[in-house]
């Protein structure tokens, strides 16, 4: 394994650990979903639109990026 495999694995593991902690401590507003809603202000129409465009754009780019190599 290369150093960047460890780095990406560590980042993903840290994110997973943070999410599990957020789910187990039952505090409001600390899960990734709750933070994403707050960051994009999805309780507003413009916030929902910005999130939808960003998510769709990222998902489309990532799909092509991975499949096309």
PDB file of N, CA and C in Angstrom:
ATOM      1  N   UNK A   1       0.834  -1.188   0.000  1.00  0.00           N
ATOM      2  CA  UNK A   1       0.000   0.000   0.000  1.00  0.00           C
ATOM      3  C   UNK A   1       0.877   1.249   0.000  1.00  0.00           C
ATOM      4  N   UNK A   2       0.372   2.257  -0.640  1.00  0.00           N
ATOM      5  CA  UNK A   2       1.084   3.530  -0.714  1.00  0.00           C
ATOM      6  C   UNK A   2       0.657   4.437   0.437  1.00  0.00           C
ATOM      7  N   UNK A   3       1.390   5.514   0.669  1.00  0.00           N
ATOM      8  CA  UNK A   3       1.083   6.439   1.760  1.00  0.00           C
ATOM      9  C   UNK A   3      -0.287   7.071   1.596  1.00  0.00           C
ATOM     10  N   UNK A   4      -0.679   7.335   0.348  1.00  0.00           N
ATOM     11  CA  UNK A   4      -1.968   7.987   0.129  1.00  0.00           C
ATOM     12  C   UNK A   4      -3.135   7.040   0.386  1.00  0.00           C
ATOM     13  N   UNK A   5      -2.915   5.737   0.276  1.00  0.00           N
ATOM     14  CA  UNK A   5      -3.957   4.782   0.665  1.00  0.00           C
ATOM     15  C   UNK A   5      -4.234   4.894   2.162  1.00  0.00           C
ATOM     16  N   UNK A   6      -3.166   5.014   2.932  1.00  0.00           N
ATOM     17  CA  UNK A   6      -3.307   5.178   4.387  1.00  0.00           C
ATOM     18  C   UNK A   6      -3.965   6.503   4.723  1.00  0.00           C
ATOM     19  N   UNK A   7      -3.589   7.547   4.001  1.00  0.00           N
ATOM     20  CA  UNK A   7      -4.158   8.867   4.241  1.00  0.00           C
ATOM     21  C   UNK A   7      -5.659   8.878   3.964  1.00  0.00           C
ATOM     22  N   UNK A   8      -6.055   8.411   2.777  1.00  0.00           N
ATOM     23  CA  UNK A   8      -7.495   8.380   2.442  1.00  0.00           C
ATOM     24  C   UNK A   8      -8.261   7.438   3.362  1.00  0.00           C
ATOM     25  N   UNK A   9      -7.666   6.293   3.678  1.00  0.00           N
ATOM     26  CA  UNK A   9      -8.310   5.365   4.603  1.00  0.00           C
ATOM     27  C   UNK A   9      -8.498   5.989   5.979  1.00  0.00           C
ATOM     28  N   UNK A  10      -7.476   6.722   6.428  1.00  0.00           N
ATOM     29  CA  UNK A  10      -7.575   7.410   7.716  1.00  0.00           C
ATOM     30  C   UNK A  10      -8.648   8.479   7.715  1.00  0.00           C
ATOM     31  N   UNK A  11      -8.725   9.256   6.639  1.00  0.00           N
ATOM     32  CA  UNK A  11      -9.764  10.289   6.548  1.00  0.00           C
ATOM     33  C   UNK A  11     -11.163   9.674   6.551  1.00  0.00           C
ATOM     34  N   UNK A  12     -11.338   8.608   5.777  1.00  0.00           N
ATOM     35  CA  UNK A  12     -12.641   7.936   5.751  1.00  0.00           C
ATOM     36  C   UNK A  12     -12.967   7.315   7.109  1.00  0.00           C
ATOM     37  N   UNK A  13     -11.966   6.707   7.726  1.00  0.00           N
ATOM     38  CA  UNK A  13     -12.170   6.118   9.049  1.00  0.00           C
ATOM     39  C   UNK A  13     -12.514   7.163  10.093  1.00  0.00           C
ATOM     40  N   UNK A  14     -11.838   8.304  10.047  1.00  0.00           N
ATOM     41  CA  UNK A  14     -12.121   9.390  10.974  1.00  0.00           C
ATOM     42  C   UNK A  14     -13.550   9.908  10.776  1.00  0.00           C
ATOM     43  N   UNK A  15     -13.956  10.037   9.528  1.00  0.00           N
ATOM     44  CA  UNK A  15     -15.329  10.451   9.236  1.00  0.00           C
ATOM     45  C   UNK A  15     -16.342   9.442   9.753  1.00  0.00           C
ATOM     46  N   UNK A  16     -16.057   8.168   9.565  1.00  0.00           N
ATOM     47  CA  UNK A  16     -16.943   7.123  10.071  1.00  0.00           C
ATOM     48  C   UNK A  16     -17.015   7.166  11.593  1.00  0.00           C
ATOM     49  N   UNK A  17     -15.887   7.340  12.233  1.00  0.00           N
ATOM     50  CA  UNK A  17     -15.846   7.431  13.687  1.00  0.00           C
ATOM     51  C   UNK A  17     -16.660   8.633  14.182  1.00  0.00           C
ATOM     52  N   UNK A  18     -16.529   9.769  13.521  1.00  0.00           N
ATOM     53  CA  UNK A  18     -17.289  10.964  13.897  1.00  0.00           C
ATOM     54  C   UNK A  18     -18.794  10.725  13.743  1.00  0.00           C
ATOM     55  N   UNK A  19     -19.188  10.041  12.680  1.00  0.00           N
ATOM     56  CA  UNK A  19     -20.611   9.774  12.452  1.00  0.00           C
ATOM     57  C   UNK A  19     -21.163   8.798  13.490  1.00  0.00           C
ATOM     58  N   UNK A  20     -20.408   7.752  13.787  1.00  0.00           N
ATOM     59  CA  UNK A  20     -20.852   6.791  14.803  1.00  0.00           C
ATOM     60  C   UNK A  20     -20.981   7.491  16.153  1.00  0.00           C
ATOM     61  N   UNK A  21     -20.015   8.322  16.502  1.00  0.00           N
ATOM     62  CA  UNK A  21     -20.083   9.079  17.759  1.00  0.00           C
ATOM     63  C   UNK A  21     -21.325   9.961  17.770  1.00  0.00           C
ATOM     64  N   UNK A  22     -21.588  10.647  16.668  1.00  0.00           N
ATOM     65  CA  UNK A  22     -22.742  11.538  16.582  1.00  0.00           C
ATOM     66  C   UNK A  22     -24.051  10.757  16.742  1.00  0.00           C
ATOM     67  N   UNK A  23     -24.110   9.574  16.194  1.00  0.00           N
ATOM     68  CA  UNK A  23     -25.322   8.755  16.315  1.00  0.00           C
ATOM     69  C   UNK A  23     -25.504   8.214  17.728  1.00  0.00           C
ATOM     70  N   UNK A  24     -24.415   7.858  18.376  1.00  0.00           N
ATOM     71  CA  UNK A  24     -24.509   7.255  19.701  1.00  0.00           C
ATOM     72  C   UNK A  24     -24.755   8.269  20.813  1.00  0.00           C
ATOM     73  N   UNK A  25     -24.258   9.504  20.670  1.00  0.00           N
ATOM     74  CA  UNK A  25     -24.419  10.453  21.767  1.00  0.00           C
ATOM     75  C   UNK A  25     -25.771  11.167  21.734  1.00  0.00           C
ATOM     76  N   UNK A  26     -26.495  11.023  20.649  1.00  0.00           N
ATOM     77  CA  UNK A  26     -27.858  11.542  20.506  1.00  0.00           C
ATOM     78  C   UNK A  26     -27.986  13.059  20.675  1.00  0.00           C
ATOM     79  N   UNK A  27     -26.892  13.780  20.494  1.00  0.00           N
ATOM     80  CA  UNK A  27     -26.983  15.241  20.476  1.00  0.00           C
ATOM     81  C   UNK A  27     -27.591  15.659  19.143  1.00  0.00           C
ATOM     82  N   UNK A  28     -28.328  16.744  19.151  1.00  0.00           N
ATOM     83  CA  UNK A  28     -28.929  17.216  17.918  1.00  0.00           C
ATOM     84  C   UNK A  28     -27.924  18.038  17.124  1.00  0.00           C
ATOM     85  N   UNK A  29     -27.933  17.840  15.805  1.00  0.00           N
ATOM     86  CA  UNK A  29     -27.162  18.685  14.919  1.00  0.00           C
ATOM     87  C   UNK A  29     -25.734  18.281  14.656  1.00  0.00           C
ATOM     88  N   UNK A  30     -25.320  17.075  15.058  1.00  0.00           N
ATOM     89  CA  UNK A  30     -23.910  16.733  14.879  1.00  0.00           C
ATOM     90  C   UNK A  30     -23.647  15.608  13.880  1.00  0.00           C
ATOM     91  N   UNK A  31     -24.680  15.089  13.220  1.00  0.00           N
ATOM     92  CA  UNK A  31     -24.442  14.084  12.189  1.00  0.00           C
ATOM     93  C   UNK A  31     -24.092  14.777  10.872  1.00  0.00           C
ATOM     94  N   UNK A  32     -23.542  14.036   9.946  1.00  0.00           N
ATOM     95  CA  UNK A  32     -23.187  14.606   8.649  1.00  0.00           C
ATOM     96  C   UNK A  32     -24.427  15.132   7.931  1.00  0.00           C
ATOM     97  N   UNK A  33     -25.520  14.417   8.007  1.00  0.00           N
ATOM     98  CA  UNK A  33     -26.759  14.871   7.363  1.00  0.00           C
ATOM     99  C   UNK A  33     -27.238  16.191   7.954  1.00  0.00           C
ATOM    100  N   UNK A  34     -27.228  16.277   9.267  1.00  0.00           N
ATOM    101  CA  UNK A  34     -27.688  17.509   9.922  1.00  0.00           C
ATOM    102  C   UNK A  34     -26.767  18.685   9.611  1.00  0.00           C
ATOM    103  N   UNK A  35     -25.456  18.440   9.585  1.00  0.00           N
ATOM    104  CA  UNK A  35     -24.514  19.511   9.252  1.00  0.00           C
ATOM    105  C   UNK A  35     -24.686  19.951   7.801  1.00  0.00           C
ATOM    106  N   UNK A  36     -24.886  18.982   6.897  1.00  0.00           N
ATOM    107  CA  UNK A  36     -25.076  19.311   5.486  1.00  0.00           C
ATOM    108  C   UNK A  36     -26.321  20.172   5.301  1.00  0.00           C
ATOM    109  N   UNK A  37     -27.409  19.819   5.981  1.00  0.00           N
ATOM    110  CA  UNK A  37     -28.635  20.634   5.897  1.00  0.00           C
ATOM    111  C   UNK A  37     -28.385  22.050   6.395  1.00  0.00           C
ATOM    112  N   UNK A  38     -27.613  22.177   7.467  1.00  0.00           N
ATOM    113  CA  UNK A  38     -27.320  23.506   8.015  1.00  0.00           C
ATOM    114  C   UNK A  38     -26.412  24.298   7.073  1.00  0.00           C
ATOM    115  N   UNK A  39     -25.363  23.664   6.558  1.00  0.00           N
ATOM    116  CA  UNK A  39     -24.423  24.355   5.679  1.00  0.00           C
ATOM    117  C   UNK A  39     -25.097  24.868   4.414  1.00  0.00           C
ATOM    118  N   UNK A  40     -25.978  24.055   3.850  1.00  0.00           N
ATOM    119  CA  UNK A  40     -26.657  24.446   2.610  1.00  0.00           C
ATOM    120  C   UNK A  40     -27.975  25.167   2.862  1.00  0.00           C
ATOM    121  N   UNK A  41     -28.367  25.269   4.130  1.00  0.00           N
ATOM    122  CA  UNK A  41     -29.630  25.924   4.501  1.00  0.00           C
ATOM    123  C   UNK A  41     -30.794  25.348   3.691  1.00  0.00           C
ATOM    124  N   UNK A  42     -30.918  24.015   3.758  1.00  0.00           N
ATOM    125  CA  UNK A  42     -31.929  23.339   2.942  1.00  0.00           C
ATOM    126  C   UNK A  42     -33.355  23.598   3.408  1.00  0.00           C
ATOM    127  N   UNK A  43     -33.543  24.344   4.496  1.00  0.00           N
ATOM    128  CA  UNK A  43     -34.890  24.726   4.904  1.00  0.00           C
ATOM    129  C   UNK A  43     -35.416  25.863   4.020  1.00  0.00           C
ATOM    130  N   UNK A  44     -34.544  26.414   3.160  1.00  0.00           N
ATOM    131  CA  UNK A  44     -34.966  27.462   2.229  1.00  0.00           C
ATOM    132  C   UNK A  44     -34.971  26.910   0.808  1.00  0.00           C
ATOM    133  N   UNK A  45     -35.753  27.520  -0.040  1.00  0.00           N
ATOM    134  CA  UNK A  45     -35.804  27.088  -1.427  1.00  0.00           C
ATOM    135  C   UNK A  45     -34.451  27.274  -2.142  1.00  0.00           C
ATOM    136  N   UNK A  46     -33.800  28.443  -2.004  1.00  0.00           N
ATOM    137  CA  UNK A  46     -32.483  28.583  -2.644  1.00  0.00           C
ATOM    138  C   UNK A  46     -31.455  27.573  -2.117  1.00  0.00           C
ATOM    139  N   UNK A  47     -31.507  27.297  -0.822  1.00  0.00           N
ATOM    140  CA  UNK A  47     -30.588  26.319  -0.252  1.00  0.00           C
ATOM    141  C   UNK A  47     -30.800  24.933  -0.823  1.00  0.00           C
ATOM    142  N   UNK A  48     -32.053  24.538  -0.973  1.00  0.00           N
ATOM    143  CA  UNK A  48     -32.365  23.233  -1.573  1.00  0.00           C
ATOM    144  C   UNK A  48     -31.870  23.185  -3.020  1.00  0.00           C
ATOM    145  N   UNK A  49     -32.064  24.284  -3.746  1.00  0.00           N
ATOM    146  CA  UNK A  49     -31.641  24.331  -5.143  1.00  0.00           C
ATOM    147  C   UNK A  49     -30.120  24.233  -5.250  1.00  0.00           C
ATOM    148  N   UNK A  50     -29.404  25.000  -4.428  1.00  0.00           N
ATOM    149  CA  UNK A  50     -27.939  24.956  -4.459  1.00  0.00           C
ATOM    150  C   UNK A  50     -27.447  23.558  -4.111  1.00  0.00           C
ATOM    151  N   UNK A  51     -28.028  22.947  -3.087  1.00  0.00           N
ATOM    152  CA  UNK A  51     -27.608  21.597  -2.719  1.00  0.00           C
ATOM    153  C   UNK A  51     -27.896  20.611  -3.847  1.00  0.00           C
ATOM    154  N   UNK A  52     -29.081  20.690  -4.447  1.00  0.00           N
ATOM    155  CA  UNK A  52     -29.444  19.762  -5.523  1.00  0.00           C
ATOM    156  C   UNK A  52     -28.496  19.892  -6.714  1.00  0.00           C
ATOM    157  N   UNK A  53     -28.162  21.116  -7.076  1.00  0.00           N
ATOM    158  CA  UNK A  53     -27.240  21.333  -8.199  1.00  0.00           C
ATOM    159  C   UNK A  53     -25.846  20.826  -7.841  1.00  0.00           C
ATOM    160  N   UNK A  54     -25.380  21.155  -6.645  1.00  0.00           N
ATOM    161  CA  UNK A  54     -24.043  20.723  -6.228  1.00  0.00           C
ATOM    162  C   UNK A  54     -23.960  19.203  -6.147  1.00  0.00           C
ATOM    163  N   UNK A  55     -24.959  18.570  -5.553  1.00  0.00           N
ATOM    164  CA  UNK A  55     -24.937  17.112  -5.392  1.00  0.00           C
ATOM    165  C   UNK A  55     -25.014  16.412  -6.736  1.00  0.00           C
ATOM    166  N   UNK A  56     -25.920  16.879  -7.599  1.00  0.00           N
ATOM    167  CA  UNK A  56     -26.080  16.271  -8.918  1.00  0.00           C
ATOM    168  C   UNK A  56     -24.815  16.465  -9.746  1.00  0.00           C
ATOM    169  N   UNK A  57     -24.254  17.670  -9.694  1.00  0.00           N
ATOM    170  CA  UNK A  57     -23.018  17.927 -10.429  1.00  0.00           C
ATOM    171  C   UNK A  57     -21.869  17.064  -9.951  1.00  0.00           C
ATOM    172  N   UNK A  58     -21.705  16.992  -8.640  1.00  0.00           N
ATOM    173  CA  UNK A  58     -20.622  16.170  -8.097  1.00  0.00           C
ATOM    174  C   UNK A  58     -20.829  14.699  -8.441  1.00  0.00           C
ATOM    175  N   UNK A  59     -22.046  14.190  -8.245  1.00  0.00           N
ATOM    176  CA  UNK A  59     -22.315  12.772  -8.515  1.00  0.00           C
ATOM    177  C   UNK A  59     -22.084  12.442  -9.983  1.00  0.00           C
ATOM    178  N   UNK A  60     -22.524  13.326 -10.877  1.00  0.00           N
ATOM    179  CA  UNK A  60     -22.312  13.095 -12.303  1.00  0.00           C
ATOM    180  C   UNK A  60     -20.835  13.112 -12.666  1.00  0.00           C
ATOM    181  N   UNK A  61     -20.113  14.107 -12.148  1.00  0.00           N
ATOM    182  CA  UNK A  61     -18.682  14.186 -12.424  1.00  0.00           C
ATOM    183  C   UNK A  61     -17.960  12.955 -11.882  1.00  0.00           C
ATOM    184  N   UNK A  62     -18.271  12.563 -10.648  1.00  0.00           N
ATOM    185  CA  UNK A  62     -17.571  11.441 -10.028  1.00  0.00           C
ATOM    186  C   UNK A  62     -17.855  10.133 -10.768  1.00  0.00           C
ATOM    187  N   UNK A  63     -19.097   9.945 -11.199  1.00  0.00           N
ATOM    188  CA  UNK A  63     -19.442   8.737 -11.958  1.00  0.00           C
ATOM    189  C   UNK A  63     -18.606   8.633 -13.233  1.00  0.00           C
ATOM    190  N   UNK A  64     -18.576   9.721 -14.002  1.00  0.00           N
ATOM    191  CA  UNK A  64     -17.796   9.726 -15.233  1.00  0.00           C
ATOM    192  C   UNK A  64     -16.312   9.596 -14.925  1.00  0.00           C
ATOM    193  N   UNK A  65     -15.844  10.282 -13.918  1.00  0.00           N
ATOM    194  CA  UNK A  65     -14.434  10.256 -13.534  1.00  0.00           C
ATOM    195  C   UNK A  65     -13.985   8.827 -13.197  1.00  0.00           C
ATOM    196  N   UNK A  66     -14.798   8.109 -12.454  1.00  0.00           N
ATOM    197  CA  UNK A  66     -14.428   6.746 -12.057  1.00  0.00           C
ATOM    198  C   UNK A  66     -14.565   5.771 -13.213  1.00  0.00           C
ATOM    199  N   UNK A  67     -15.656   5.837 -13.946  1.00  0.00           N
ATOM    200  CA  UNK A  67     -15.899   4.863 -15.009  1.00  0.00           C
ATOM    201  C   UNK A  67     -15.014   5.097 -16.234  1.00  0.00           C
ATOM    202  N   UNK A  68     -14.714   6.343 -16.530  1.00  0.00           N
ATOM    203  CA  UNK A  68     -13.924   6.637 -17.729  1.00  0.00           C
ATOM    204  C   UNK A  68     -12.424   6.553 -17.459  1.00  0.00           C
ATOM    205  N   UNK A  69     -12.064   6.586 -16.194  1.00  0.00           N
ATOM    206  CA  UNK A  69     -10.654   6.467 -15.840  1.00  0.00           C
ATOM    207  C   UNK A  69      -9.941   7.742 -16.084  1.00  0.00           C
TER     208      UNK A  69
END
